[in-house]
Amino acid sequence: MNSAARLAPRALYEEVAERLRQRIFSGELAPGDWIDELKIADELGISRTPLREALKVLAAEGLVTMKVRRGAYVTETSGKDLADVYHLLALLETDAAQAVALHADAAGRAELAALHAELEAAVGDAARFFALNEAFHLRLLELADNRWRLQMVQDLRKVMKLHRRHSLQKAGRLQASLAEHRALMQAIAARDGAAAAACMQAHFQSGLEAAS
């Protein structure tokens, strides 16, 4: 892992940002951890310039906090930060769920149903469930067809993922999340926008309680 050539063809700093992002999401770099620039640059076989550009990207996403004369740290979020993120996500995704229930075509609803079926099958594998859960939510947002809302949610979800994996590992939360998805799918299948919105709102409220 000492050759910068392995990071082509994506812009070098973008690939470095993605590698660090995945380390943060996996917990290898935990909230509050100092990011050792010299060590990481050496591991990747790169100079510190693209690494610092990558850290700026992660800082803009809220995943990294830059401290004067102290360097970069994985962002630590307070209870209020977490509640604020969930509040905004609930607003945006509740609106999206209603739009999908009312306007998505049969093909789009079938895509969501297929993702939901994969979620059902992954109930014994928390890591796979976590990935499929995110894919389900992002596909719902794509079907709601508002690229600005999608972009905002993608950014907010990066911050949420600092905590989300732990919330799904809490006793009973994975099964409860799945039941909430079932209710949402029933509302979408019935083309009931109000019910879909209510299901998504409840889903985020339960998620926040588990993450807090």
Protein backbone atom coordinates (compact mmCIF):
# COMPACT_ATOMS: atom_id res chain seq x y z
CA MET A 1 0.00 0.00 0.00
CA ASN A 2 2.97 2.32 -0.61
CA SER A 3 2.36 3.25 -4.24
CA ALA A 4 0.44 6.39 -5.15
CA ALA A 5 -0.22 4.83 -8.55
CA ARG A 6 -2.72 2.50 -6.90
CA LEU A 7 -4.89 5.52 -6.16
CA ALA A 8 -5.41 6.41 -9.84
CA PRO A 9 -7.49 7.23 -11.85
CA ARG A 10 -9.65 9.18 -9.37
CA ALA A 11 -8.12 12.50 -8.27
CA LEU A 12 -5.62 11.58 -5.58
CA TYR A 13 -7.12 13.67 -2.79
CA GLU A 14 -10.60 12.27 -3.53
CA GLU A 15 -9.36 8.69 -3.20
CA VAL A 16 -7.53 9.56 0.00
CA ALA A 17 -10.71 11.19 1.35
CA GLU A 18 -12.69 8.05 0.56
CA ARG A 19 -10.17 5.80 2.31
CA LEU A 20 -10.24 7.97 5.42
CA ARG A 21 -14.04 8.19 5.24
CA GLN A 22 -14.28 4.40 5.31
CA ARG A 23 -11.86 4.19 8.25
CA ILE A 24 -14.09 6.60 10.13
CA PHE A 25 -17.30 4.77 9.25
CA SER A 26 -15.80 1.41 10.25
CA GLY A 27 -14.68 2.77 13.60
CA GLU A 28 -10.99 2.29 12.85
CA LEU A 29 -10.78 6.05 13.39
CA ALA A 30 -13.19 6.87 16.21
CA PRO A 31 -14.73 10.21 17.22
CA GLY A 32 -12.06 12.26 18.99
CA ASP A 33 -9.12 10.39 17.43
CA TRP A 34 -6.22 12.49 16.20
CA ILE A 35 -5.37 11.90 12.54
CA ASP A 36 -1.63 11.25 12.25
CA GLU A 37 -0.81 12.87 8.92
CA LEU A 38 2.76 11.59 8.71
CA LYS A 39 1.73 8.00 9.44
CA ILE A 40 -1.17 8.00 6.96
CA ALA A 41 0.87 9.69 4.21
CA ASP A 42 3.55 7.04 4.68
CA GLU A 43 0.98 4.20 4.61
CA LEU A 44 -0.48 5.46 1.33
CA GLY A 45 2.84 6.39 -0.23
CA ILE A 46 1.79 9.98 -0.85
CA SER A 47 2.88 13.46 0.16
CA ARG A 48 1.02 15.40 2.81
CA THR A 49 -0.42 17.82 0.22
CA PRO A 50 -3.16 15.52 -1.16
CA LEU A 51 -3.77 14.25 2.38
CA ARG A 52 -4.42 17.78 3.61
CA GLU A 53 -6.75 18.40 0.65
CA ALA A 54 -8.60 15.21 1.59
CA LEU A 55 -8.92 16.39 5.19
CA LYS A 56 -10.46 19.65 3.95
CA VAL A 57 -13.09 17.60 2.10
CA LEU A 58 -13.88 15.58 5.22
CA ALA A 59 -13.99 18.76 7.32
CA ALA A 60 -16.56 20.22 4.89
CA GLU A 61 -18.64 17.03 5.34
CA GLY A 62 -18.47 17.37 9.13
CA LEU A 63 -16.51 14.16 9.63
CA VAL A 64 -13.25 15.86 10.59
CA THR A 65 -12.60 18.86 12.81
CA MET A 66 -9.52 21.00 12.18
CA LYS A 67 -7.98 22.45 15.35
CA VAL A 68 -5.50 25.33 15.18
CA ARG A 69 -1.91 24.14 15.83
CA ARG A 70 -3.23 20.70 16.80
CA GLY A 71 -4.18 19.18 13.45
CA ALA A 72 -7.21 17.17 12.43
CA TYR A 73 -9.46 15.03 14.62
CA VAL A 74 -12.42 12.81 13.87
CA THR A 75 -15.46 14.90 14.78
CA GLU A 76 -17.07 14.36 18.15
CA THR A 77 -20.78 15.14 18.13
CA SER A 78 -22.86 16.15 21.11
CA GLY A 79 -26.33 14.88 21.90
CA LYS A 80 -27.72 18.11 20.47
CA ASP A 81 -25.69 17.68 17.27
CA LEU A 82 -27.12 14.21 16.82
CA ALA A 83 -30.67 15.35 17.55
CA ASP A 84 -30.30 18.22 15.08
CA VAL A 85 -29.08 15.88 12.32
CA TYR A 86 -31.92 13.42 12.91
CA HIS A 87 -34.43 16.28 12.96
CA LEU A 88 -33.31 17.52 9.54
CA LEU A 89 -33.14 14.02 8.09
CA ALA A 90 -36.65 13.30 9.35
CA LEU A 91 -37.97 16.44 7.66
CA LEU A 92 -36.28 15.68 4.35
CA GLU A 93 -36.94 11.95 4.21
CA THR A 94 -40.52 12.20 5.46
CA ASP A 95 -41.23 14.54 2.58
CA ALA A 96 -39.47 12.14 0.19
CA ALA A 97 -41.46 9.14 1.46
CA GLN A 98 -44.71 10.97 0.82
CA ALA A 99 -43.61 11.91 -2.69
CA VAL A 100 -42.65 8.33 -3.51
CA ALA A 101 -45.94 6.93 -2.19
CA LEU A 102 -47.90 9.39 -4.30
CA HIS A 103 -45.84 9.57 -7.48
CA ALA A 104 -43.39 6.66 -7.92
CA ASP A 105 -44.17 4.34 -10.81
CA ALA A 106 -44.52 0.57 -10.53
CA ALA A 107 -40.88 -0.02 -11.48
CA GLY A 108 -39.66 2.32 -8.75
CA ARG A 109 -41.87 0.72 -6.11
CA ALA A 110 -40.62 -2.69 -7.25
CA GLU A 111 -37.01 -1.56 -6.76
CA LEU A 112 -37.78 -0.53 -3.19
CA ALA A 113 -39.58 -3.80 -2.57
CA ALA A 114 -36.54 -5.73 -3.81
CA LEU A 115 -34.24 -3.77 -1.50
CA HIS A 116 -36.62 -4.37 1.38
CA ALA A 117 -36.57 -8.10 0.64
CA GLU A 118 -32.77 -8.03 0.82
CA LEU A 119 -33.05 -6.27 4.18
CA GLU A 120 -35.32 -9.04 5.44
CA ALA A 121 -32.77 -11.62 4.35
CA ALA A 122 -29.88 -9.75 5.99
CA VAL A 123 -31.40 -9.59 9.47
CA GLY A 124 -28.70 -11.91 10.84
CA ASP A 125 -25.83 -9.85 9.40
CA ALA A 126 -25.64 -6.38 10.97
CA ALA A 127 -22.96 -5.07 8.60
CA ARG A 128 -24.91 -6.10 5.50
CA PHE A 129 -28.15 -4.82 7.00
CA PHE A 130 -26.49 -1.47 7.66
CA ALA A 131 -25.32 -1.16 4.03
CA LEU A 132 -28.67 -2.24 2.58
CA ASN A 133 -30.55 0.08 4.90
CA GLU A 134 -28.57 3.02 3.58
CA ALA A 135 -29.09 1.86 -0.02
CA PHE A 136 -32.84 1.65 0.60
CA HIS A 137 -33.05 5.18 1.94
CA LEU A 138 -30.92 6.65 -0.84
CA ARG A 139 -32.94 4.86 -3.51
CA LEU A 140 -36.15 6.21 -2.02
CA LEU A 141 -34.65 9.70 -2.20
CA GLU A 142 -33.63 9.19 -5.82
CA LEU A 143 -37.16 8.10 -6.68
CA ALA A 144 -38.49 11.24 -4.96
CA ASP A 145 -36.57 13.11 -7.68
CA ASN A 146 -35.19 16.19 -5.96
CA ARG A 147 -31.43 16.33 -6.38
CA TRP A 148 -30.98 19.12 -3.83
CA ARG A 149 -32.76 17.13 -1.15
CA LEU A 150 -30.69 14.06 -2.06
CA GLN A 151 -27.45 16.02 -1.75
CA MET A 152 -28.43 17.44 1.64
CA VAL A 153 -29.39 14.01 2.96
CA GLN A 154 -26.15 12.42 1.72
CA ASP A 155 -24.14 15.03 3.64
CA LEU A 156 -26.22 14.66 6.80
CA ARG A 157 -26.05 10.87 6.68
CA LYS A 158 -22.26 10.99 6.73
CA VAL A 159 -22.42 12.66 10.13
CA MET A 160 -25.17 10.30 11.30
CA LYS A 161 -22.98 7.31 10.42
CA LEU A 162 -20.57 8.31 13.18
CA HIS A 163 -23.23 6.85 15.50
CA ARG A 164 -25.64 4.87 13.34
CA ARG A 165 -23.77 1.55 13.33
CA HIS A 166 -23.82 1.46 17.13
CA SER A 167 -27.54 2.23 17.25
CA LEU A 168 -28.37 -0.74 15.02
CA GLN A 169 -26.34 -2.99 17.30
CA LYS A 170 -28.48 -2.14 20.32
CA ALA A 171 -30.67 -5.00 21.44
CA GLY A 172 -33.81 -5.20 19.35
CA ARG A 173 -33.08 -2.12 17.22
CA LEU A 174 -32.31 -3.99 14.01
CA GLN A 175 -35.57 -5.93 14.22
CA ALA A 176 -37.50 -2.76 15.11
CA SER A 177 -35.96 -0.92 12.16
CA LEU A 178 -37.03 -3.74 9.88
CA ALA A 179 -40.60 -3.62 11.20
CA GLU A 180 -40.64 0.14 10.55
CA HIS A 181 -39.52 -0.50 6.98
CA ARG A 182 -42.32 -3.04 6.55
CA ALA A 183 -44.90 -0.46 7.61
CA LEU A 184 -43.39 2.09 5.24
CA MET A 185 -43.50 -0.37 2.34
CA GLN A 186 -47.17 -1.12 3.06
CA ALA A 187 -47.96 2.60 2.93
CA ILE A 188 -46.05 3.04 -0.33
CA ALA A 189 -47.76 0.01 -1.87
CA ALA A 190 -51.12 1.52 -0.88
CA ARG A 191 -50.04 4.86 -2.40
CA ASP A 192 -50.91 6.47 0.94
CA GLY A 193 -48.69 9.55 1.17
CA ALA A 194 -49.78 10.60 4.65
CA ALA A 195 -49.17 7.11 6.07
CA ALA A 196 -45.76 6.89 4.37
CA ALA A 197 -44.77 10.23 5.86
CA ALA A 198 -45.93 9.14 9.33
CA CYS A 199 -44.01 5.86 9.05
CA MET A 200 -40.79 7.65 8.08
CA GLN A 201 -41.21 10.18 10.90
CA ALA A 202 -41.64 7.36 13.41
CA HIS A 203 -38.65 5.54 11.92
CA PHE A 204 -36.36 8.50 12.57
CA GLN A 205 -37.75 9.10 16.04
CA SER A 206 -36.97 5.50 16.97
CA GLY A 207 -33.56 5.76 15.35
CA LEU A 208 -32.68 8.84 17.39
CA GLU A 209 -33.79 7.18 20.62
CA ALA A 210 -31.53 4.20 19.83
CA ALA A 211 -28.57 6.39 18.90
CA SER A 212 -28.83 8.70 21.91
